[in-house]
Protein backbone atom coordinates (compact mmCIF):
# COMPACT_ATOMS: atom_id res chain seq x y z
CA MET A 1 -2.24 -28.84 2.58
CA ASN A 2 0.23 -26.28 1.18
CA LYS A 3 0.63 -22.71 2.41
CA GLU A 4 -1.25 -21.14 -0.51
CA LYS A 5 -4.27 -23.38 0.09
CA VAL A 6 -4.27 -22.58 3.82
CA VAL A 7 -4.06 -18.83 3.12
CA ALA A 8 -6.91 -19.11 0.56
CA ALA A 9 -9.07 -21.11 2.98
CA LEU A 10 -8.51 -18.60 5.76
CA LYS A 11 -9.32 -15.71 3.43
CA LYS A 12 -12.69 -17.29 2.61
CA VAL A 13 -13.68 -16.97 6.28
CA GLY A 14 -12.37 -13.42 6.63
CA ILE A 15 -8.93 -14.14 8.05
CA GLU A 16 -5.85 -12.95 6.21
CA ILE A 17 -2.09 -12.93 6.79
CA ASN A 18 -0.45 -9.56 6.15
CA LYS A 19 2.94 -9.01 4.50
CA ASP A 20 4.68 -9.22 7.90
CA GLY A 21 3.18 -12.63 8.63
CA TYR A 22 0.68 -11.41 11.23
CA LEU A 23 -2.85 -12.71 11.30
CA VAL A 24 -5.35 -10.02 10.40
CA LYS A 25 -9.12 -9.90 10.13
CA ALA A 26 -10.90 -7.26 8.09
CA ASN A 27 -7.51 -5.58 7.57
CA LYS A 28 -7.03 -5.16 11.32
CA VAL A 29 -4.37 -6.88 13.40
CA LEU A 30 -5.87 -9.36 15.86
CA PRO A 31 -5.80 -7.95 19.42
CA GLN A 32 -3.28 -10.44 20.79
CA PHE A 33 -0.80 -9.28 18.09
CA ASP A 34 -1.48 -5.53 18.48
CA ARG A 35 1.74 -4.23 20.01
CA ASN A 36 0.03 -0.97 20.95
CA LYS A 37 -2.59 -2.75 23.10
CA ALA A 38 -2.13 -3.19 26.85
CA GLY A 39 -2.46 -6.88 27.57
CA SER A 40 -1.23 -8.05 24.16
CA LEU A 41 1.29 -10.85 23.85
CA TYR A 42 4.20 -8.48 23.17
CA ASP A 43 3.12 -6.17 26.02
CA ARG A 44 2.91 -9.04 28.53
CA GLY A 45 6.31 -10.41 27.48
CA ALA A 46 7.92 -7.01 27.91
CA ALA A 47 6.18 -6.51 31.28
CA ASP A 48 7.30 -9.91 32.58
CA SER A 49 10.90 -9.05 31.68
CA TYR A 50 10.59 -5.56 33.21
CA TYR A 51 9.33 -6.95 36.53
CA HIS A 52 11.98 -9.72 36.62
CA ARG A 53 9.34 -12.43 36.16
CA PRO A 54 10.06 -15.73 34.40
CA ARG A 55 8.87 -16.35 30.86
CA LYS A 56 5.29 -17.61 30.97
CA PRO A 57 3.54 -16.75 27.69
CA HIS A 58 0.03 -15.33 28.13
CA TRP A 59 -2.14 -12.38 27.20
CA TYR A 60 -5.26 -10.55 28.38
CA PRO A 61 -7.96 -9.81 25.75
CA ASN A 62 -9.63 -7.26 28.07
CA GLY A 63 -6.44 -5.35 28.87
CA ALA A 64 -3.48 -5.99 31.14
CA GLY A 65 -4.50 -7.81 34.32
CA TRP A 66 -8.22 -8.08 33.48
CA PRO A 67 -9.58 -11.63 33.18
CA PRO A 68 -9.47 -13.88 31.40
CA ARG A 69 -5.75 -14.66 31.25
CA ILE A 70 -5.12 -16.66 28.06
CA GLU A 71 -2.30 -19.22 28.34
CA ASP A 72 -3.31 -21.79 25.69
CA LEU A 73 -1.34 -20.29 22.80
CA THR A 74 -0.27 -21.12 19.26
CA LYS A 75 3.40 -21.20 18.20
CA GLU A 76 2.93 -17.78 16.60
CA GLU A 77 1.44 -16.35 19.78
CA ILE A 78 4.27 -17.73 21.91
CA ALA A 79 6.79 -16.21 19.47
CA GLU A 80 5.09 -12.80 19.79
CA TYR A 81 5.21 -12.97 23.62
CA LEU A 82 8.89 -13.97 23.50
CA ALA A 83 9.64 -11.10 21.09
CA GLY A 84 8.39 -8.63 23.72
CA TYR A 85 10.30 -10.39 26.49
CA GLU A 86 13.56 -10.56 24.53
CA GLU A 87 13.31 -6.96 23.29
CA ASN A 88 13.02 -5.72 26.87
CA GLU A 89 15.92 -7.96 27.91
CA ARG A 90 18.06 -6.46 25.11
CA MET A 91 17.12 -2.92 26.16
CA ASP A 92 17.80 -3.87 29.81
CA ILE A 93 14.91 -1.81 31.18
CA LYS A 94 14.11 -3.30 34.57
CA LYS A 95 12.07 -2.32 37.60
CA GLU A 96 14.31 -1.09 40.38
CA TRP A 97 12.82 -2.17 43.70
CA GLU A 98 13.12 0.10 46.72
CA ASP A 99 14.63 -1.43 49.86
């Protein structure tokens, strides 16, 4: 199935892909891709980098730290988590632990 057919099929069930390639529903970014939402993929990636934790893609639909923790992710979701992690690595903003 080609890309145009997939996009058309998704649109029929209310799911669209915006101009930036993000999945949207009813013209709203899905919560796991909302970079302004605590617990989103990008937020969790940035937080893991900040706290010196290893990369382990996940997100929390109910907000950061509130169950459930979602770890079964698509390639696009993993890429969004890694974008947050890598952005924080580039900015080099890290938690400084007290002795």
